[in-house]
Structures are given as structure tokens and as C-alpha cells.
Amino acid sequence: FASDRPGGAGVYDLWVCQRSDDESDWSVPDNIGPSVNTAFIEGPPTVSRDGHWLIFNSDRPGGAGLNDLWVSYRENIHDPFGWERPFNLGGVNTPFQDQGASWFANDDGLAPLLFFASTRPGGPGLNDIYVAELLPDGYFAEASLVAELSSTSNDYRPSVRFDGLELFFFSDRPGSFGFDLWVAVRDAITEPWRDPANLGPTVNSDANDQNPHITADRRSLYFASNRP
């Protein structure tokens, strides 16, 4: 996760905790170190389902502008500090804000997809949700607006379920109490998303609820909130 707590290298750094099993407590968070973190912003991360790839946003030098999406690789998925020097995702990024990625590996044999939010021109709102397809040559195709998930308000931080049929994000669109968590589903990965639904007062509050992440077993939803 990202934090500006003491002990980091910059504005926001990436930190990691571990636990031995699902019932155990998390360890004290550790900074993942200078191989990834810099004096600049390292924003909310996502880890690929196989555990080898870390995607995050940063405003460090070497990008297209503002926040860009960056990626790091580790050979040993059990080494939380084994991340290699990150590289910029290139054509996915623009001079505008590109951030909050979610990786869909697409185990059905179709192309893997990268969902993210961006302020680039062409969408209906300030921050909209885009998707880019990973091509066979290892580069990404030009990102496309996901119109059915985007609104005239701010739509941030998509988190797609591993089967690609459910996606969570946070938004201040009409029907929200502040920034709220929303969800959309679809019948197949080749079909458009249905209209997003607010997760309601069981999950959302009058405060800001944001940065959702659905776990691989589909049974737990983690998110951040500034509620009392």
C-alpha cells in the first residue's frame, strides 16, 4: 500500500505487510526500499495474480507527465523486497494523470487487460476509467475509454475481479454520500459492463470511502476511509 508515514523516501512510498495465513495478524509494515521508492510520489499499487508484477503510479522523472503508470518485476514471489528497478509503461501514459491501475490476466486465453483512471481528454468527466490491451509483442495497445463505467464526475481506482466479470471503483458521481465505492458486473469479458451500482450504507459512509481492492477468492473487499 501507499503511505506518507515517517520512514519513507518521499511524499508517498510503497509499504508491505505479511501474514502466515488468513487467520493471522498482519506484520508491522515495512518500506519496500529504494529499488522502487524515490523522493517523488509512489501511489497505490496493484500486484498481478501470479505475484511477479507490481504496477503503481508515480510522478518521478522519466514519465510522460504528472502521474504515470510504472511497473516492477520480481523473480521470487515470496520476497517482498525483491522488486527490480521499475520502468515506465510508455504508450499507456499521457501528459495527464494516469493512475490507479488494476491488472486482469484473462485466464480465458484472450489478451490481458490493464484498467486505470485518467484525466486525459476524451472522457465525460475529470477522471474516467480506461482499459489497455497487452499485445503479443509485450507492448500495450492504445487505451480506450470504458464509457459504461465513466461519468461526468470523478471515477477512480478500478479493481477488477480475477475472472473479469466484476469491477469495483470509487466515485463522487450522483448517488454518492461523498466518495463512495461502486460496483459493475458483466456476463462475459466480451460484453459491456452493466450500469454501476452504489455498494450502499452497509459499506459506504458519509466520509470518503476509496481505493477498493477485491481479493482473489472474491470474499473480501479492502478499502481506505477517513470515517471516524
C-alpha atoms as a PDB file:
ATOM      1  CA  PHE A   1       0.000   0.000   0.000  1.00  0.00           C
ATOM      2  CA  ALA A   2       0.991   3.676  -0.283  1.00  0.00           C
ATOM      3  CA  SER A   3       1.636   5.871   2.745  1.00  0.00           C
ATOM      4  CA  ASP A   4       3.254   9.175   3.708  1.00  0.00           C
ATOM      5  CA  ARG A   5       4.163   7.843   7.180  1.00  0.00           C
ATOM      6  CA  PRO A   6       7.626   8.564   8.634  1.00  0.00           C
ATOM      7  CA  GLY A   7      10.456   6.381   7.398  1.00  0.00           C
ATOM      8  CA  GLY A   8       9.802   6.762   3.695  1.00  0.00           C
ATOM      9  CA  ALA A   9      11.964   8.198   0.945  1.00  0.00           C
ATOM     10  CA  GLY A  10       9.486  10.708  -0.461  1.00  0.00           C
ATOM     11  CA  VAL A  11       5.990  12.145  -0.469  1.00  0.00           C
ATOM     12  CA  TYR A  12       4.280   8.750  -0.658  1.00  0.00           C
ATOM     13  CA  ASP A  13       6.133   5.419  -0.584  1.00  0.00           C
ATOM     14  CA  LEU A  14       5.057   1.813  -1.085  1.00  0.00           C
ATOM     15  CA  TRP A  15       4.946  -0.382   2.028  1.00  0.00           C
ATOM     16  CA  VAL A  16       4.293  -4.087   2.600  1.00  0.00           C
ATOM     17  CA  CYS A  17       2.951  -6.311   5.390  1.00  0.00           C
ATOM     18  CA  GLN A  18       2.787 -10.096   5.523  1.00  0.00           C
ATOM     19  CA  ARG A  19       0.947 -12.794   7.439  1.00  0.00           C
ATOM     20  CA  SER A  20       1.472 -16.537   7.657  1.00  0.00           C
ATOM     21  CA  ASP A  21      -2.169 -17.456   6.930  1.00  0.00           C
ATOM     22  CA  ASP A  22      -5.614 -15.934   6.550  1.00  0.00           C
ATOM     23  CA  GLU A  23      -6.326 -16.071  10.272  1.00  0.00           C
ATOM     24  CA  SER A  24      -3.091 -14.444  11.470  1.00  0.00           C
ATOM     25  CA  ASP A  25      -2.420 -10.777  12.166  1.00  0.00           C
ATOM     26  CA  TRP A  26      -0.528  -8.695   9.634  1.00  0.00           C
ATOM     27  CA  SER A  27       3.097  -7.883  10.378  1.00  0.00           C
ATOM     28  CA  VAL A  28       4.284  -4.340  11.072  1.00  0.00           C
ATOM     29  CA  PRO A  29       4.543  -2.602   7.659  1.00  0.00           C
ATOM     30  CA  ASP A  30       7.981  -2.303   6.053  1.00  0.00           C
ATOM     31  CA  ASN A  31       9.088   0.160   3.391  1.00  0.00           C
ATOM     32  CA  ILE A  32       9.823  -1.868   0.244  1.00  0.00           C
ATOM     33  CA  GLY A  33      13.011   0.113  -0.272  1.00  0.00           C
ATOM     34  CA  PRO A  34      14.948   2.237  -2.765  1.00  0.00           C
ATOM     35  CA  SER A  35      14.653  -0.225  -5.643  1.00  0.00           C
ATOM     36  CA  VAL A  36      11.090   1.121  -6.084  1.00  0.00           C
ATOM     37  CA  ASN A  37      10.609   4.145  -3.825  1.00  0.00           C
ATOM     38  CA  THR A  38      12.015   7.594  -4.636  1.00  0.00           C
ATOM     39  CA  ALA A  39      11.773  11.154  -3.345  1.00  0.00           C
ATOM     40  CA  PHE A  40       8.658  11.516  -5.509  1.00  0.00           C
ATOM     41  CA  ILE A  41       5.144  10.043  -5.239  1.00  0.00           C
ATOM     42  CA  GLU A  42       4.744   6.281  -5.431  1.00  0.00           C
ATOM     43  CA  GLY A  43       0.988   5.774  -5.448  1.00  0.00           C
ATOM     44  CA  PRO A  44      -1.481   2.949  -4.877  1.00  0.00           C
ATOM     45  CA  PRO A  45      -0.049  -0.375  -6.096  1.00  0.00           C
ATOM     46  CA  THR A  46      -1.589  -3.452  -7.654  1.00  0.00           C
ATOM     47  CA  VAL A  47       0.114  -6.856  -7.805  1.00  0.00           C
ATOM     48  CA  SER A  48      -0.528  -9.303 -10.633  1.00  0.00           C
ATOM     49  CA  ARG A  49      -2.302 -12.501  -9.645  1.00  0.00           C
ATOM     50  CA  ASP A  50       0.872 -14.547 -10.196  1.00  0.00           C
ATOM     51  CA  GLY A  51       2.746 -12.252  -7.786  1.00  0.00           C
ATOM     52  CA  HIS A  52       5.521 -11.290 -10.219  1.00  0.00           C
ATOM     53  CA  TRP A  53       4.433  -7.802 -11.327  1.00  0.00           C
ATOM     54  CA  LEU A  54       3.864  -4.621  -9.320  1.00  0.00           C
ATOM     55  CA  ILE A  55       2.077  -1.731 -11.056  1.00  0.00           C
ATOM     56  CA  PHE A  56       1.839   1.676  -9.415  1.00  0.00           C
ATOM     57  CA  ASN A  57       1.687   5.368 -10.284  1.00  0.00           C
ATOM     58  CA  SER A  58       4.474   7.895  -9.782  1.00  0.00           C
ATOM     59  CA  ASP A  59       5.365  11.444 -10.755  1.00  0.00           C
ATOM     60  CA  ARG A  60       9.098  10.640 -10.826  1.00  0.00           C
ATOM     61  CA  PRO A  61      11.232  11.922 -13.716  1.00  0.00           C
ATOM     62  CA  GLY A  62      11.165   9.876 -16.914  1.00  0.00           C
ATOM     63  CA  GLY A  63       7.417   9.786 -17.424  1.00  0.00           C
ATOM     64  CA  ALA A  64       5.040  11.442 -19.865  1.00  0.00           C
ATOM     65  CA  GLY A  65       3.861  13.959 -17.283  1.00  0.00           C
ATOM     66  CA  LEU A  66       2.095  14.298 -13.922  1.00  0.00           C
ATOM     67  CA  ASN A  67       1.337  10.782 -12.612  1.00  0.00           C
ATOM     68  CA  ASP A  68       2.320   7.886 -14.869  1.00  0.00           C
ATOM     69  CA  LEU A  69       1.905   4.132 -14.541  1.00  0.00           C
ATOM     70  CA  TRP A  70       5.117   2.243 -13.758  1.00  0.00           C
ATOM     71  CA  VAL A  71       5.818  -1.467 -13.360  1.00  0.00           C
ATOM     72  CA  SER A  72       8.379  -3.557 -11.473  1.00  0.00           C
ATOM     73  CA  TYR A  73       9.154  -7.293 -11.669  1.00  0.00           C
ATOM     74  CA  ARG A  74      10.343  -9.779  -9.064  1.00  0.00           C
ATOM     75  CA  GLU A  75      11.539 -13.314  -9.741  1.00  0.00           C
ATOM     76  CA  ASN A  76      10.781 -14.696  -6.267  1.00  0.00           C
ATOM     77  CA  ILE A  77       7.140 -14.038  -5.361  1.00  0.00           C
ATOM     78  CA  HIS A  78       7.884 -14.790  -1.690  1.00  0.00           C
ATOM     79  CA  ASP A  79      10.445 -11.988  -1.426  1.00  0.00           C
ATOM     80  CA  PRO A  80       8.594  -8.748  -0.540  1.00  0.00           C
ATOM     81  CA  PHE A  81      11.769  -6.715  -1.141  1.00  0.00           C
ATOM     82  CA  GLY A  82      12.859  -8.395  -4.382  1.00  0.00           C
ATOM     83  CA  TRP A  83      11.358  -5.856  -6.757  1.00  0.00           C
ATOM     84  CA  GLU A  84      13.600  -4.723  -9.603  1.00  0.00           C
ATOM     85  CA  ARG A  85      14.019  -1.164 -10.852  1.00  0.00           C
ATOM     86  CA  PRO A  86      10.644  -0.025 -12.295  1.00  0.00           C
ATOM     87  CA  PHE A  87      10.101   1.009 -15.879  1.00  0.00           C
ATOM     88  CA  ASN A  88       7.526   3.363 -17.353  1.00  0.00           C
ATOM     89  CA  LEU A  89       4.581   1.791 -19.191  1.00  0.00           C
ATOM     90  CA  GLY A  90       5.202   4.074 -22.140  1.00  0.00           C
ATOM     91  CA  GLY A  91       2.313   4.377 -24.587  1.00  0.00           C
ATOM     92  CA  VAL A  92      -0.313   3.799 -21.886  1.00  0.00           C
ATOM     93  CA  ASN A  93       0.712   7.101 -20.289  1.00  0.00           C
ATOM     94  CA  THR A  94      -0.095  10.662 -21.340  1.00  0.00           C
ATOM     95  CA  PRO A  95       0.870  14.183 -20.160  1.00  0.00           C
ATOM     96  CA  PHE A  96      -2.230  13.978 -17.935  1.00  0.00           C
ATOM     97  CA  GLN A  97      -2.934  11.999 -14.743  1.00  0.00           C
ATOM     98  CA  ASP A  98      -2.734   8.228 -15.345  1.00  0.00           C
ATOM     99  CA  GLN A  99      -3.123   6.270 -12.134  1.00  0.00           C
ATOM    100  CA  GLY A 100      -4.804   3.582 -10.046  1.00  0.00           C
ATOM    101  CA  ALA A 101      -4.221   0.513 -12.217  1.00  0.00           C
ATOM    102  CA  SER A 102      -5.813  -2.938 -11.953  1.00  0.00           C
ATOM    103  CA  TRP A 103      -4.390  -5.906 -13.865  1.00  0.00           C
ATOM    104  CA  PHE A 104      -6.688  -8.534 -15.415  1.00  0.00           C
ATOM    105  CA  ALA A 105      -4.629 -11.545 -16.518  1.00  0.00           C
ATOM    106  CA  ASN A 106      -7.510 -13.020 -18.567  1.00  0.00           C
ATOM    107  CA  ASP A 107      -7.096 -16.742 -17.990  1.00  0.00           C
ATOM    108  CA  ASP A 108      -9.626 -17.452 -20.762  1.00  0.00           C
ATOM    109  CA  GLY A 109      -6.851 -17.066 -23.333  1.00  0.00           C
ATOM    110  CA  LEU A 110      -7.798 -13.624 -24.603  1.00  0.00           C
ATOM    111  CA  ALA A 111      -5.479 -10.635 -24.219  1.00  0.00           C
ATOM    112  CA  PRO A 112      -4.645  -9.427 -20.691  1.00  0.00           C
ATOM    113  CA  LEU A 113      -6.138  -6.040 -19.836  1.00  0.00           C
ATOM    114  CA  LEU A 114      -4.978  -3.091 -17.743  1.00  0.00           C
ATOM    115  CA  PHE A 115      -7.735  -0.937 -16.235  1.00  0.00           C
ATOM    116  CA  PHE A 116      -6.841   2.505 -14.845  1.00  0.00           C
ATOM    117  CA  ALA A 117      -8.122   6.055 -14.333  1.00  0.00           C
ATOM    118  CA  SER A 118      -7.007   9.075 -16.351  1.00  0.00           C
ATOM    119  CA  THR A 119      -7.749  12.767 -16.792  1.00  0.00           C
ATOM    120  CA  ARG A 120      -6.792  12.687 -20.490  1.00  0.00           C
ATOM    121  CA  PRO A 121      -9.151  14.452 -22.914  1.00  0.00           C
ATOM    122  CA  GLY A 122     -11.945  12.430 -24.459  1.00  0.00           C
ATOM    123  CA  GLY A 123     -13.872  11.274 -21.401  1.00  0.00           C
ATOM    124  CA  PRO A 124     -17.067  12.707 -19.899  1.00  0.00           C
ATOM    125  CA  GLY A 125     -15.560  13.672 -16.514  1.00  0.00           C
ATOM    126  CA  LEU A 126     -12.387  14.840 -14.802  1.00  0.00           C
ATOM    127  CA  ASN A 127     -11.180  11.290 -14.028  1.00  0.00           C
ATOM    128  CA  ASP A 128     -12.503   8.466 -16.191  1.00  0.00           C
ATOM    129  CA  ILE A 129     -11.812   4.750 -16.458  1.00  0.00           C
ATOM    130  CA  TYR A 130      -9.762   3.393 -19.356  1.00  0.00           C
ATOM    131  CA  VAL A 131      -8.548  -0.033 -20.443  1.00  0.00           C
ATOM    132  CA  ALA A 132      -5.493  -1.068 -22.483  1.00  0.00           C
ATOM    133  CA  GLU A 133      -4.877  -4.479 -24.062  1.00  0.00           C
ATOM    134  CA  LEU A 134      -1.494  -6.188 -23.769  1.00  0.00           C
ATOM    135  CA  LEU A 135      -0.319  -7.137 -27.262  1.00  0.00           C
ATOM    136  CA  PRO A 136       1.642 -10.309 -28.119  1.00  0.00           C
ATOM    137  CA  ASP A 137       4.836  -8.236 -28.563  1.00  0.00           C
ATOM    138  CA  GLY A 138       4.699  -7.149 -24.905  1.00  0.00           C
ATOM    139  CA  TYR A 139       3.544  -3.596 -25.596  1.00  0.00           C
ATOM    140  CA  PHE A 140       0.131  -2.158 -24.786  1.00  0.00           C
ATOM    141  CA  ALA A 141      -2.379  -1.054 -27.394  1.00  0.00           C
ATOM    142  CA  GLU A 142      -3.742   2.474 -27.160  1.00  0.00           C
ATOM    143  CA  ALA A 143      -6.021   2.789 -24.138  1.00  0.00           C
ATOM    144  CA  SER A 144      -9.770   3.056 -24.695  1.00  0.00           C
ATOM    145  CA  LEU A 145     -12.394   4.803 -22.591  1.00  0.00           C
ATOM    146  CA  VAL A 146     -14.697   2.413 -20.720  1.00  0.00           C
ATOM    147  CA  ALA A 147     -17.757   4.558 -21.322  1.00  0.00           C
ATOM    148  CA  GLU A 148     -20.194   2.500 -19.266  1.00  0.00           C
ATOM    149  CA  LEU A 149     -18.007   2.913 -16.131  1.00  0.00           C
ATOM    150  CA  SER A 150     -17.233   6.615 -16.608  1.00  0.00           C
ATOM    151  CA  SER A 151     -19.381   9.615 -15.681  1.00  0.00           C
ATOM    152  CA  THR A 152     -19.286  13.410 -15.651  1.00  0.00           C
ATOM    153  CA  SER A 153     -17.942  13.128 -12.076  1.00  0.00           C
ATOM    154  CA  ASN A 154     -14.676  11.571 -10.845  1.00  0.00           C
ATOM    155  CA  ASP A 155     -14.259   7.812 -11.310  1.00  0.00           C
ATOM    156  CA  TYR A 156     -11.120   6.358  -9.762  1.00  0.00           C
ATOM    157  CA  ARG A 157      -9.122   3.248  -8.959  1.00  0.00           C
ATOM    158  CA  PRO A 158     -10.807   0.289 -10.691  1.00  0.00           C
ATOM    159  CA  SER A 159     -10.258  -3.128  -9.102  1.00  0.00           C
ATOM    160  CA  VAL A 160     -11.291  -5.982 -11.372  1.00  0.00           C
ATOM    161  CA  ARG A 161     -12.101  -9.456 -10.080  1.00  0.00           C
ATOM    162  CA  PHE A 162      -9.771 -12.163 -11.396  1.00  0.00           C
ATOM    163  CA  ASP A 163     -12.431 -13.548 -13.770  1.00  0.00           C
ATOM    164  CA  GLY A 164     -13.074 -10.107 -15.282  1.00  0.00           C
ATOM    165  CA  LEU A 165     -16.802 -10.141 -14.528  1.00  0.00           C
ATOM    166  CA  GLU A 166     -16.938  -7.744 -11.567  1.00  0.00           C
ATOM    167  CA  LEU A 167     -15.198  -4.382 -11.108  1.00  0.00           C
ATOM    168  CA  PHE A 168     -15.121  -2.035  -8.104  1.00  0.00           C
ATOM    169  CA  PHE A 169     -14.141   1.646  -8.174  1.00  0.00           C
ATOM    170  CA  PHE A 170     -14.777   4.805  -6.174  1.00  0.00           C
ATOM    171  CA  SER A 171     -16.614   7.878  -7.370  1.00  0.00           C
ATOM    172  CA  ASP A 172     -18.366  11.070  -6.311  1.00  0.00           C
ATOM    173  CA  ARG A 173     -20.995  10.651  -9.035  1.00  0.00           C
ATOM    174  CA  PRO A 174     -24.655  11.408  -8.189  1.00  0.00           C
ATOM    175  CA  GLY A 175     -25.963   8.872  -5.684  1.00  0.00           C
ATOM    176  CA  SER A 176     -22.787   9.027  -3.571  1.00  0.00           C
ATOM    177  CA  PHE A 177     -22.564  10.154   0.059  1.00  0.00           C
ATOM    178  CA  GLY A 178     -19.113  11.634  -0.610  1.00  0.00           C
ATOM    179  CA  PHE A 179     -16.589   9.458  -2.388  1.00  0.00           C
ATOM    180  CA  ASP A 180     -18.277   6.045  -2.382  1.00  0.00           C
ATOM    181  CA  LEU A 181     -17.475   2.550  -3.570  1.00  0.00           C
ATOM    182  CA  TRP A 182     -19.350   1.395  -6.647  1.00  0.00           C
ATOM    183  CA  VAL A 183     -19.512  -1.953  -8.466  1.00  0.00           C
ATOM    184  CA  ALA A 184     -20.314  -3.067 -12.007  1.00  0.00           C
ATOM    185  CA  VAL A 185     -20.765  -6.563 -13.433  1.00  0.00           C
ATOM    186  CA  ARG A 186     -20.943  -8.110 -16.881  1.00  0.00           C
ATOM    187  CA  ASP A 187     -21.999 -11.506 -18.227  1.00  0.00           C
ATOM    188  CA  ALA A 188     -18.826 -12.176 -20.231  1.00  0.00           C
ATOM    189  CA  ILE A 189     -15.493 -10.447 -20.737  1.00  0.00           C
ATOM    190  CA  THR A 190     -16.500  -9.649 -24.322  1.00  0.00           C
ATOM    191  CA  GLU A 191     -19.706  -7.928 -23.123  1.00  0.00           C
ATOM    192  CA  PRO A 192     -20.102  -4.319 -21.911  1.00  0.00           C
ATOM    193  CA  TRP A 193     -20.414  -3.572 -18.199  1.00  0.00           C
ATOM    194  CA  ARG A 194     -23.880  -3.060 -16.758  1.00  0.00           C
ATOM    195  CA  ASP A 195     -24.730   0.229 -15.045  1.00  0.00           C
ATOM    196  CA  PRO A 196     -22.622   0.642 -11.875  1.00  0.00           C
ATOM    197  CA  ALA A 197     -24.377   0.317  -8.508  1.00  0.00           C
ATOM    198  CA  ASN A 198     -23.506   2.032  -5.231  1.00  0.00           C
ATOM    199  CA  LEU A 199     -22.457  -0.511  -2.574  1.00  0.00           C
ATOM    200  CA  GLY A 200     -24.831   1.173  -0.146  1.00  0.00           C
ATOM    201  CA  PRO A 201     -24.699   2.208   3.520  1.00  0.00           C
ATOM    202  CA  THR A 202     -23.511  -1.196   4.744  1.00  0.00           C
ATOM    203  CA  VAL A 203     -20.124  -0.402   3.178  1.00  0.00           C
ATOM    204  CA  ASN A 204     -20.173   3.312   2.351  1.00  0.00           C
ATOM    205  CA  SER A 205     -20.338   6.146   4.864  1.00  0.00           C
ATOM    206  CA  ASP A 206     -20.780   9.926   4.929  1.00  0.00           C
ATOM    207  CA  ALA A 207     -16.968  10.165   4.817  1.00  0.00           C
ATOM    208  CA  ASN A 208     -14.736   9.348   1.831  1.00  0.00           C
ATOM    209  CA  ASP A 209     -14.511   5.622   1.042  1.00  0.00           C
ATOM    210  CA  GLN A 210     -11.977   4.856  -1.647  1.00  0.00           C
ATOM    211  CA  ASN A 211      -9.287   2.632  -3.216  1.00  0.00           C
ATOM    212  CA  PRO A 212     -11.198  -0.688  -3.218  1.00  0.00           C
ATOM    213  CA  HIS A 213      -9.427  -3.986  -3.780  1.00  0.00           C
ATOM    214  CA  ILE A 214     -11.284  -7.282  -4.201  1.00  0.00           C
ATOM    215  CA  THR A 215      -9.294 -10.317  -3.051  1.00  0.00           C
ATOM    216  CA  ALA A 216      -8.561 -13.263  -5.318  1.00  0.00           C
ATOM    217  CA  ASP A 217     -11.058 -15.507  -3.502  1.00  0.00           C
ATOM    218  CA  ARG A 218     -13.791 -12.859  -4.118  1.00  0.00           C
ATOM    219  CA  ARG A 219     -14.794 -12.922  -0.443  1.00  0.00           C
ATOM    220  CA  SER A 220     -13.100  -9.817   0.996  1.00  0.00           C
ATOM    221  CA  LEU A 221     -13.094  -6.193  -0.151  1.00  0.00           C
ATOM    222  CA  TYR A 222     -10.367  -3.939   1.259  1.00  0.00           C
ATOM    223  CA  PHE A 223     -10.634  -0.155   1.022  1.00  0.00           C
ATOM    224  CA  ALA A 224      -9.489   3.079   2.640  1.00  0.00           C
ATOM    225  CA  SER A 225     -11.729   5.516   4.513  1.00  0.00           C
ATOM    226  CA  ASN A 226     -11.407   8.666   6.610  1.00  0.00           C
ATOM    227  CA  ARG A 227     -14.581   7.814   8.584  1.00  0.00           C
ATOM    228  CA  PRO A 228     -14.442   8.273  12.380  1.00  0.00           C
END
